[in-house]
Structures are given as C-alpha cells and as structure tokens.
Amino acid sequence: MEEIKKKEAELDQVNIAYDNSYKVLTGEIDFHTLLEDSFKDGDSALMAFDPDSGPLQTELEGMIAWYIESEEYERCAMLRDILEEKFPSLLTNQTK
C-alpha cells in the first residue's frame, strides 16, 4: 500500500511539473510570476524543463506523450506547434 501512495505522489509531481511547464510555454504565465504565486499559495513551482535554457526536444515529446495519455489533445496540439517551432529540423527529417 505504501508503494502505491509513493507512486501516486510521484505522478502528482509529474502532473504539476507538466502543467506548470505548459502554462509557461504557452504564455499563460511567466516563470517569475509562477514562482511568486507558488510561494504565496504554498504550491510547487516544479517544471519539466530548465526555464533558463528552455525545453529540450525530448522534454517536449515527453509532455506530449503525457497529454496524449490523459487525452488532452488541445494541449498536445499546442505543444506540437512549439516543438516544430523550436526544432524545425524535425519537419525536414519527416518529409525525407
């Protein structure tokens, strides 16, 4: 039972990180405001990527996979657009 609770807590942390990251990537909130709001509310400012350097391709792909699993396809589409914008060489490789 303890292992199940631990796994659920880990999944909650991943969900928070992806939700925060999505909001920052889509401009719903900037990272500094997220930090301030999280501090005030006692929430977590976890992120799925380093906000100083931006997301890696694998991090964006991981977020997309997460949102596919939870059937949040609008978020998937937004993240796909961000992925294609940040890594345009992906499009060239797919057409070959």
Protein backbone atom coordinates (compact mmCIF):
# COMPACT_ATOMS: atom_id res chain seq x y z
CA MET A 1 0.00 0.00 0.00
CA GLU A 2 2.86 2.36 0.80
CA GLU A 3 4.34 1.77 -2.66
CA ILE A 4 1.05 2.75 -4.29
CA LYS A 5 0.91 6.02 -2.33
CA LYS A 6 4.50 6.76 -3.29
CA LYS A 7 3.74 6.15 -6.99
CA GLU A 8 0.63 8.36 -6.81
CA ALA A 9 2.68 11.14 -5.21
CA GLU A 10 5.27 10.86 -7.98
CA LEU A 11 2.58 11.05 -10.66
CA ASP A 12 1.11 14.11 -8.93
CA GLN A 13 4.53 15.78 -9.05
CA VAL A 14 4.91 14.97 -12.75
CA ASN A 15 1.44 16.36 -13.43
CA ILE A 16 2.29 19.59 -11.57
CA ALA A 17 5.58 19.93 -13.46
CA TYR A 18 3.92 19.39 -16.84
CA ASP A 19 1.04 21.74 -16.01
CA ASN A 20 3.41 24.49 -14.87
CA SER A 21 5.63 23.95 -17.90
CA TYR A 22 2.68 24.06 -20.27
CA LYS A 23 1.48 27.35 -18.78
CA VAL A 24 4.94 28.91 -19.14
CA LEU A 25 5.47 27.59 -22.69
CA THR A 26 2.10 28.86 -23.90
CA GLY A 27 2.47 32.24 -22.22
CA GLU A 28 -0.39 31.75 -19.77
CA ILE A 29 2.07 32.79 -17.08
CA ASP A 30 5.73 33.74 -16.99
CA PHE A 31 8.14 31.77 -14.86
CA HIS A 32 8.79 34.52 -12.31
CA THR A 33 5.06 35.01 -11.72
CA LEU A 34 4.70 31.24 -11.34
CA LEU A 35 7.41 31.30 -8.67
CA GLU A 36 5.80 34.20 -6.84
CA ASP A 37 2.30 32.68 -6.99
CA SER A 38 3.60 29.28 -5.88
CA PHE A 39 5.42 30.82 -2.94
CA LYS A 40 2.34 32.77 -1.85
CA ASP A 41 -0.02 29.80 -2.19
CA GLY A 42 2.34 27.18 -0.81
CA ASP A 43 2.17 25.33 -4.14
CA SER A 44 5.01 23.83 -6.08
CA ALA A 45 6.82 25.58 -8.92
CA LEU A 46 8.08 22.32 -10.39
CA MET A 47 8.97 22.45 -14.06
CA ALA A 48 9.58 19.72 -16.63
CA PHE A 49 12.47 21.69 -18.14
CA ASP A 50 15.05 24.26 -17.15
CA PRO A 51 13.27 27.61 -17.60
CA ASP A 52 16.57 29.41 -18.24
CA SER A 53 17.53 27.29 -21.25
CA GLY A 54 14.08 26.25 -22.46
CA PRO A 55 12.81 22.77 -23.15
CA LEU A 56 14.77 20.08 -24.93
CA GLN A 57 13.16 18.14 -27.74
CA THR A 58 12.83 15.06 -25.52
CA GLU A 59 11.16 17.10 -22.77
CA LEU A 60 8.54 18.44 -25.17
CA GLU A 61 7.98 14.95 -26.57
CA GLY A 62 7.54 13.64 -23.02
CA MET A 63 4.95 16.31 -22.29
CA ILE A 64 3.08 15.47 -25.49
CA ALA A 65 3.07 11.77 -24.56
CA TRP A 66 1.74 12.63 -21.10
CA TYR A 67 -1.12 14.69 -22.53
CA ILE A 68 -1.93 12.01 -25.13
CA GLU A 69 -2.28 9.55 -22.26
CA SER A 70 -4.70 11.87 -20.46
CA GLU A 71 -6.48 12.68 -23.75
CA GLU A 72 -5.78 16.41 -23.55
CA TYR A 73 -5.42 16.81 -27.29
CA GLU A 74 -5.61 20.60 -27.39
CA ARG A 75 -2.53 20.74 -25.19
CA CYS A 76 -0.87 18.14 -27.44
CA ALA A 77 -1.50 20.32 -30.48
CA MET A 78 -0.09 23.42 -28.78
CA LEU A 79 2.99 21.53 -27.66
CA ARG A 80 3.43 20.01 -31.13
CA ASP A 81 3.42 23.53 -32.59
CA ILE A 82 6.02 24.64 -30.03
CA LEU A 83 8.10 21.54 -30.79
CA GLU A 84 8.03 22.25 -34.53
CA GLU A 85 8.88 25.91 -33.95
CA LYS A 86 11.82 25.18 -31.63
CA PHE A 87 13.12 22.22 -33.63
CA PRO A 88 12.32 22.92 -37.30
CA SER A 89 14.77 20.25 -38.46
CA LEU A 90 12.20 17.68 -37.27
CA LEU A 91 9.93 18.71 -40.13
CA THR A 92 12.70 18.32 -42.70
CA ASN A 93 13.60 14.87 -41.39
CA GLN A 94 9.97 13.72 -41.54
CA THR A 95 9.50 14.69 -45.18
CA LYS A 96 12.50 12.68 -46.38
